[in-house]
Amino acid sequence: MKITLMVCSGEPEILWNAFRLGNLMLEQMEDVTIFLNGPSVKFAALASKQFPLNELAKVFTLSEGVLLA
């Protein structure tokens, strides 16, 4: 199944949950695309120790997830 997650928020917790959900779906052998729109495009700048967005995005893309911005 092909799944697209669209994120339009600049809240780190929402981005963190979107990447976690995308990674979980990739583990279940789904084709997953995350489309970042608006403030979510700057996810790298929103990363923190509590919300390690860069690490989750790296795992997502290395697991053959598609990240569009």
C-alpha atoms as a PDB file:
ATOM      1  CA  MET A   1       0.000   0.000   0.000  1.00  0.00           C
ATOM      2  CA  LYS A   2       1.230   3.499  -0.795  1.00  0.00           C
ATOM      3  CA  ILE A   3       0.833   6.036   1.995  1.00  0.00           C
ATOM      4  CA  THR A   4       1.524   9.781   2.047  1.00  0.00           C
ATOM      5  CA  LEU A   5       1.788  11.797   5.252  1.00  0.00           C
ATOM      6  CA  MET A   6       1.455  15.545   4.821  1.00  0.00           C
ATOM      7  CA  VAL A   7       2.830  17.749   7.595  1.00  0.00           C
ATOM      8  CA  CYS A   8       2.115  21.489   7.645  1.00  0.00           C
ATOM      9  CA  SER A   9       3.112  22.336  11.215  1.00  0.00           C
ATOM     10  CA  GLY A  10       6.251  23.815  12.678  1.00  0.00           C
ATOM     11  CA  GLU A  11       5.680  22.102  16.037  1.00  0.00           C
ATOM     12  CA  PRO A  12       8.604  19.743  16.786  1.00  0.00           C
ATOM     13  CA  GLU A  13       6.353  17.199  18.522  1.00  0.00           C
ATOM     14  CA  ILE A  14       4.065  16.889  15.493  1.00  0.00           C
ATOM     15  CA  LEU A  15       7.037  16.406  13.165  1.00  0.00           C
ATOM     16  CA  TRP A  16       8.559  13.881  15.565  1.00  0.00           C
ATOM     17  CA  ASN A  17       5.328  11.851  15.578  1.00  0.00           C
ATOM     18  CA  ALA A  18       5.042  12.013  11.777  1.00  0.00           C
ATOM     19  CA  PHE A  19       8.582  10.648  11.321  1.00  0.00           C
ATOM     20  CA  ARG A  20       7.974   7.965  13.953  1.00  0.00           C
ATOM     21  CA  LEU A  21       4.747   6.899  12.225  1.00  0.00           C
ATOM     22  CA  GLY A  22       6.480   6.880   8.835  1.00  0.00           C
ATOM     23  CA  ASN A  23       9.306   4.709  10.180  1.00  0.00           C
ATOM     24  CA  LEU A  24       6.825   2.307  11.767  1.00  0.00           C
ATOM     25  CA  MET A  25       4.943   1.962   8.477  1.00  0.00           C
ATOM     26  CA  LEU A  26       8.195   1.327   6.607  1.00  0.00           C
ATOM     27  CA  GLU A  27       8.922  -1.532   9.022  1.00  0.00           C
ATOM     28  CA  GLN A  28       5.536  -3.007   8.009  1.00  0.00           C
ATOM     29  CA  MET A  29       6.665  -2.995   4.346  1.00  0.00           C
ATOM     30  CA  GLU A  30       4.522  -0.049   3.226  1.00  0.00           C
ATOM     31  CA  ASP A  31       5.595   2.525   0.617  1.00  0.00           C
ATOM     32  CA  VAL A  32       5.658   5.771   2.584  1.00  0.00           C
ATOM     33  CA  THR A  33       6.121   9.373   1.464  1.00  0.00           C
ATOM     34  CA  ILE A  34       6.291  12.303   3.883  1.00  0.00           C
ATOM     35  CA  PHE A  35       5.456  15.646   2.307  1.00  0.00           C
ATOM     36  CA  LEU A  36       6.621  18.654   4.324  1.00  0.00           C
ATOM     37  CA  ASN A  37       4.793  21.911   3.673  1.00  0.00           C
ATOM     38  CA  GLY A  38       5.054  25.400   5.165  1.00  0.00           C
ATOM     39  CA  PRO A  39       6.936  25.681   8.483  1.00  0.00           C
ATOM     40  CA  SER A  40       7.614  21.931   8.623  1.00  0.00           C
ATOM     41  CA  VAL A  41      10.220  22.297   5.859  1.00  0.00           C
ATOM     42  CA  LYS A  42      12.615  23.718   8.477  1.00  0.00           C
ATOM     43  CA  PHE A  43      12.475  20.515  10.580  1.00  0.00           C
ATOM     44  CA  ALA A  44      16.284  20.373  10.904  1.00  0.00           C
ATOM     45  CA  ALA A  45      16.310  23.721  12.720  1.00  0.00           C
ATOM     46  CA  LEU A  46      13.562  22.514  15.080  1.00  0.00           C
ATOM     47  CA  ALA A  47      15.475  19.422  16.199  1.00  0.00           C
ATOM     48  CA  SER A  48      16.429  19.154  19.871  1.00  0.00           C
ATOM     49  CA  LYS A  49      17.519  16.552  22.380  1.00  0.00           C
ATOM     50  CA  GLN A  50      13.861  15.881  23.231  1.00  0.00           C
ATOM     51  CA  PHE A  51      12.816  15.669  19.558  1.00  0.00           C
ATOM     52  CA  PRO A  52      15.717  14.209  17.492  1.00  0.00           C
ATOM     53  CA  LEU A  53      14.164  15.034  14.122  1.00  0.00           C
ATOM     54  CA  ASN A  54      17.399  14.770  12.146  1.00  0.00           C
ATOM     55  CA  GLU A  55      18.029  11.205  13.300  1.00  0.00           C
ATOM     56  CA  LEU A  56      14.454  10.135  12.554  1.00  0.00           C
ATOM     57  CA  ALA A  57      14.583  11.733   9.091  1.00  0.00           C
ATOM     58  CA  LYS A  58      17.873   9.964   8.393  1.00  0.00           C
ATOM     59  CA  VAL A  59      16.425   6.575   9.388  1.00  0.00           C
ATOM     60  CA  PHE A  60      13.339   7.299   7.280  1.00  0.00           C
ATOM     61  CA  THR A  61      15.278   8.094   4.121  1.00  0.00           C
ATOM     62  CA  LEU A  62      17.784   5.256   4.589  1.00  0.00           C
ATOM     63  CA  SER A  63      14.837   2.856   4.956  1.00  0.00           C
ATOM     64  CA  GLU A  64      13.684   3.868   1.451  1.00  0.00           C
ATOM     65  CA  GLY A  65      11.076   6.339   2.620  1.00  0.00           C
ATOM     66  CA  VAL A  66      10.508   9.322   0.332  1.00  0.00           C
ATOM     67  CA  LEU A  67      10.866  12.777   1.879  1.00  0.00           C
ATOM     68  CA  LEU A  68       9.484  15.688  -0.135  1.00  0.00           C
ATOM     69  CA  ALA A  69       9.651  19.356   0.776  1.00  0.00           C
END
